């Protein structure tokens, strides 16, 4: 009992996703703090910045030459984000002011283009 200590408090700034790390670490990070306080990142859409909570992801090893945080999407079924050693496929997320939803449902009302990307930590 003498060695037991309470876990440190988790603050919002500690929950931001660092897209420069490897995909396994990102997937474990998201899984570890979901559903509360939830991993998050900032989506840069031109001049607009949207805060996005990320609840469920899957890592895929793929070689690419894109910068970390670059988004790959067909605007219908998937959103994949470039990381250090592959891509992280986002499955559930919540855009600020909206409810939590699957990516497929989000893409019915939100269209992403080639210049949109997640900001780096």
C-alpha atoms as a PDB file:
ATOM      1  CA  UNK A   1       0.000   0.000   0.000  1.00  0.00           C
ATOM      2  CA  UNK A   2       2.916   2.353   0.561  1.00  0.00           C
ATOM      3  CA  UNK A   3       3.808   2.278  -3.151  1.00  0.00           C
ATOM      4  CA  UNK A   4       0.300   3.050  -4.392  1.00  0.00           C
ATOM      5  CA  UNK A   5      -0.380   6.549  -5.660  1.00  0.00           C
ATOM      6  CA  UNK A   6      -3.365   8.058  -7.449  1.00  0.00           C
ATOM      7  CA  UNK A   7      -3.084   8.377 -11.225  1.00  0.00           C
ATOM      8  CA  UNK A   8      -2.159  11.850 -12.466  1.00  0.00           C
ATOM      9  CA  UNK A   9      -4.979  14.086 -13.650  1.00  0.00           C
ATOM     10  CA  UNK A  10      -5.439  14.176 -17.416  1.00  0.00           C
ATOM     11  CA  UNK A  11      -5.868  17.623 -18.951  1.00  0.00           C
ATOM     12  CA  UNK A  12      -7.226  18.489 -22.411  1.00  0.00           C
ATOM     13  CA  UNK A  13      -3.870  19.624 -23.792  1.00  0.00           C
ATOM     14  CA  UNK A  14      -2.435  16.175 -22.951  1.00  0.00           C
ATOM     15  CA  UNK A  15      -5.057  14.508 -25.191  1.00  0.00           C
ATOM     16  CA  UNK A  16      -4.093  16.102 -28.516  1.00  0.00           C
ATOM     17  CA  UNK A  17      -3.041  13.566 -31.151  1.00  0.00           C
ATOM     18  CA  UNK A  18       0.525  13.897 -32.443  1.00  0.00           C
ATOM     19  CA  UNK A  19       0.298  12.687 -36.051  1.00  0.00           C
ATOM     20  CA  UNK A  20       4.116  12.528 -36.304  1.00  0.00           C
ATOM     21  CA  UNK A  21       4.270   9.463 -34.037  1.00  0.00           C
ATOM     22  CA  UNK A  22       3.816   5.906 -35.259  1.00  0.00           C
ATOM     23  CA  UNK A  23       0.349   4.525 -35.959  1.00  0.00           C
ATOM     24  CA  UNK A  24       0.304   1.860 -33.246  1.00  0.00           C
ATOM     25  CA  UNK A  25       1.010   4.519 -30.607  1.00  0.00           C
ATOM     26  CA  UNK A  26      -1.765   6.738 -31.982  1.00  0.00           C
ATOM     27  CA  UNK A  27      -4.271   3.852 -32.015  1.00  0.00           C
ATOM     28  CA  UNK A  28      -3.377   2.876 -28.432  1.00  0.00           C
ATOM     29  CA  UNK A  29      -3.521   6.528 -27.315  1.00  0.00           C
ATOM     30  CA  UNK A  30      -7.021   7.013 -28.781  1.00  0.00           C
ATOM     31  CA  UNK A  31      -8.261   3.712 -27.326  1.00  0.00           C
ATOM     32  CA  UNK A  32      -6.778   4.544 -23.907  1.00  0.00           C
ATOM     33  CA  UNK A  33      -8.589   7.847 -23.409  1.00  0.00           C
ATOM     34  CA  UNK A  34     -11.865   7.061 -25.155  1.00  0.00           C
ATOM     35  CA  UNK A  35     -14.654   7.953 -24.428  1.00  0.00           C
ATOM     36  CA  UNK A  36     -13.500  10.467 -21.828  1.00  0.00           C
ATOM     37  CA  UNK A  37     -11.644  12.794 -22.024  1.00  0.00           C
ATOM     38  CA  UNK A  38     -11.173  11.703 -25.695  1.00  0.00           C
ATOM     39  CA  UNK A  39      -8.309  12.258 -28.099  1.00  0.00           C
ATOM     40  CA  UNK A  40      -8.655  15.355 -30.254  1.00  0.00           C
ATOM     41  CA  UNK A  41      -7.026  17.241 -33.089  1.00  0.00           C
ATOM     42  CA  UNK A  42      -7.644  20.411 -35.078  1.00  0.00           C
ATOM     43  CA  UNK A  43      -8.876  20.047 -38.632  1.00  0.00           C
ATOM     44  CA  UNK A  44      -7.605  22.874 -40.855  1.00  0.00           C
ATOM     45  CA  UNK A  45     -10.098  23.634 -43.674  1.00  0.00           C
ATOM     46  CA  UNK A  46      -8.734  26.665 -45.479  1.00  0.00           C
ATOM     47  CA  UNK A  47      -9.054  29.527 -42.995  1.00  0.00           C
ATOM     48  CA  UNK A  48     -11.469  27.573 -40.795  1.00  0.00           C
ATOM     49  CA  UNK A  49     -10.272  25.408 -37.898  1.00  0.00           C
ATOM     50  CA  UNK A  50     -12.540  22.700 -36.482  1.00  0.00           C
ATOM     51  CA  UNK A  51     -11.889  20.906 -33.221  1.00  0.00           C
ATOM     52  CA  UNK A  52     -12.466  17.181 -33.687  1.00  0.00           C
ATOM     53  CA  UNK A  53     -12.713  14.532 -30.961  1.00  0.00           C
ATOM     54  CA  UNK A  54     -11.556  11.116 -32.124  1.00  0.00           C
ATOM     55  CA  UNK A  55     -13.088   8.035 -30.467  1.00  0.00           C
ATOM     56  CA  UNK A  56     -12.196   5.026 -32.604  1.00  0.00           C
ATOM     57  CA  UNK A  57      -9.338   4.412 -35.050  1.00  0.00           C
ATOM     58  CA  UNK A  58      -7.549   1.574 -36.809  1.00  0.00           C
ATOM     59  CA  UNK A  59      -3.892   1.603 -37.900  1.00  0.00           C
ATOM     60  CA  UNK A  60      -2.842   0.419 -41.367  1.00  0.00           C
ATOM     61  CA  UNK A  61       0.800   0.024 -42.364  1.00  0.00           C
ATOM     62  CA  UNK A  62       1.170   1.697 -45.756  1.00  0.00           C
ATOM     63  CA  UNK A  63       4.042   3.482 -47.382  1.00  0.00           C
ATOM     64  CA  UNK A  64       3.312   7.037 -48.463  1.00  0.00           C
ATOM     65  CA  UNK A  65       5.193  10.236 -49.099  1.00  0.00           C
ATOM     66  CA  UNK A  66       2.614  12.559 -47.541  1.00  0.00           C
ATOM     67  CA  UNK A  67       3.295  14.798 -44.554  1.00  0.00           C
ATOM     68  CA  UNK A  68       1.951  13.746 -41.167  1.00  0.00           C
ATOM     69  CA  UNK A  69      -1.642  14.945 -40.723  1.00  0.00           C
ATOM     70  CA  UNK A  70      -2.487  14.745 -44.430  1.00  0.00           C
ATOM     71  CA  UNK A  71      -6.011  13.440 -45.048  1.00  0.00           C
ATOM     72  CA  UNK A  72      -6.913  10.754 -47.582  1.00  0.00           C
ATOM     73  CA  UNK A  73     -10.649  10.376 -48.230  1.00  0.00           C
ATOM     74  CA  UNK A  74     -13.177   9.415 -50.872  1.00  0.00           C
ATOM     75  CA  UNK A  75     -15.730  11.756 -49.197  1.00  0.00           C
ATOM     76  CA  UNK A  76     -18.145   8.821 -48.873  1.00  0.00           C
ATOM     77  CA  UNK A  77     -16.838   6.013 -46.688  1.00  0.00           C
ATOM     78  CA  UNK A  78     -13.445   6.680 -45.097  1.00  0.00           C
ATOM     79  CA  UNK A  79     -11.043   9.223 -43.646  1.00  0.00           C
ATOM     80  CA  UNK A  80      -7.413   8.171 -43.321  1.00  0.00           C
ATOM     81  CA  UNK A  81      -4.693  10.349 -41.831  1.00  0.00           C
ATOM     82  CA  UNK A  82      -0.993  10.039 -42.613  1.00  0.00           C
ATOM     83  CA  UNK A  83       1.284   9.302 -39.665  1.00  0.00           C
ATOM     84  CA  UNK A  84       4.965   8.340 -39.323  1.00  0.00           C
ATOM     85  CA  UNK A  85       4.727   4.727 -40.501  1.00  0.00           C
ATOM     86  CA  UNK A  86       1.398   4.394 -42.297  1.00  0.00           C
ATOM     87  CA  UNK A  87      -2.137   5.712 -42.077  1.00  0.00           C
ATOM     88  CA  UNK A  88      -4.652   5.877 -39.246  1.00  0.00           C
ATOM     89  CA  UNK A  89      -8.197   5.144 -40.384  1.00  0.00           C
ATOM     90  CA  UNK A  90     -10.689   7.132 -38.302  1.00  0.00           C
ATOM     91  CA  UNK A  91     -13.909   5.228 -37.619  1.00  0.00           C
ATOM     92  CA  UNK A  92     -15.776   7.407 -35.048  1.00  0.00           C
ATOM     93  CA  UNK A  93     -15.402  11.097 -34.354  1.00  0.00           C
ATOM     94  CA  UNK A  94     -17.198  14.228 -33.220  1.00  0.00           C
ATOM     95  CA  UNK A  95     -16.826  17.638 -34.824  1.00  0.00           C
ATOM     96  CA  UNK A  96     -17.325  20.562 -32.448  1.00  0.00           C
ATOM     97  CA  UNK A  97     -21.017  21.403 -32.187  1.00  0.00           C
ATOM     98  CA  UNK A  98     -22.151  18.087 -33.661  1.00  0.00           C
ATOM     99  CA  UNK A  99     -22.935  14.705 -32.160  1.00  0.00           C
ATOM    100  CA  UNK A 100     -20.599  11.710 -32.098  1.00  0.00           C
ATOM    101  CA  UNK A 101     -20.935   9.701 -35.317  1.00  0.00           C
ATOM    102  CA  UNK A 102     -19.359   7.200 -37.655  1.00  0.00           C
ATOM    103  CA  UNK A 103     -17.184   8.632 -40.427  1.00  0.00           C
ATOM    104  CA  UNK A 104     -19.609   7.453 -43.093  1.00  0.00           C
ATOM    105  CA  UNK A 105     -22.415   9.498 -41.488  1.00  0.00           C
ATOM    106  CA  UNK A 106     -20.204  12.567 -41.051  1.00  0.00           C
ATOM    107  CA  UNK A 107     -19.188  12.517 -44.707  1.00  0.00           C
ATOM    108  CA  UNK A 108     -22.846  12.763 -45.759  1.00  0.00           C
ATOM    109  CA  UNK A 109     -22.820  16.378 -44.580  1.00  0.00           C
ATOM    110  CA  UNK A 110     -19.142  17.375 -44.583  1.00  0.00           C
ATOM    111  CA  UNK A 111     -16.982  17.292 -47.681  1.00  0.00           C
ATOM    112  CA  UNK A 112     -13.179  17.406 -47.381  1.00  0.00           C
ATOM    113  CA  UNK A 113     -10.805  18.537 -50.118  1.00  0.00           C
ATOM    114  CA  UNK A 114      -7.126  17.931 -50.925  1.00  0.00           C
ATOM    115  CA  UNK A 115      -5.846  20.895 -48.929  1.00  0.00           C
ATOM    116  CA  UNK A 116      -7.605  19.955 -45.663  1.00  0.00           C
ATOM    117  CA  UNK A 117      -5.361  18.416 -43.023  1.00  0.00           C
ATOM    118  CA  UNK A 118      -5.022  17.785 -39.304  1.00  0.00           C
ATOM    119  CA  UNK A 119      -2.678  20.198 -37.549  1.00  0.00           C
ATOM    120  CA  UNK A 120       0.424  18.820 -35.896  1.00  0.00           C
ATOM    121  CA  UNK A 121       0.728  19.045 -32.135  1.00  0.00           C
END
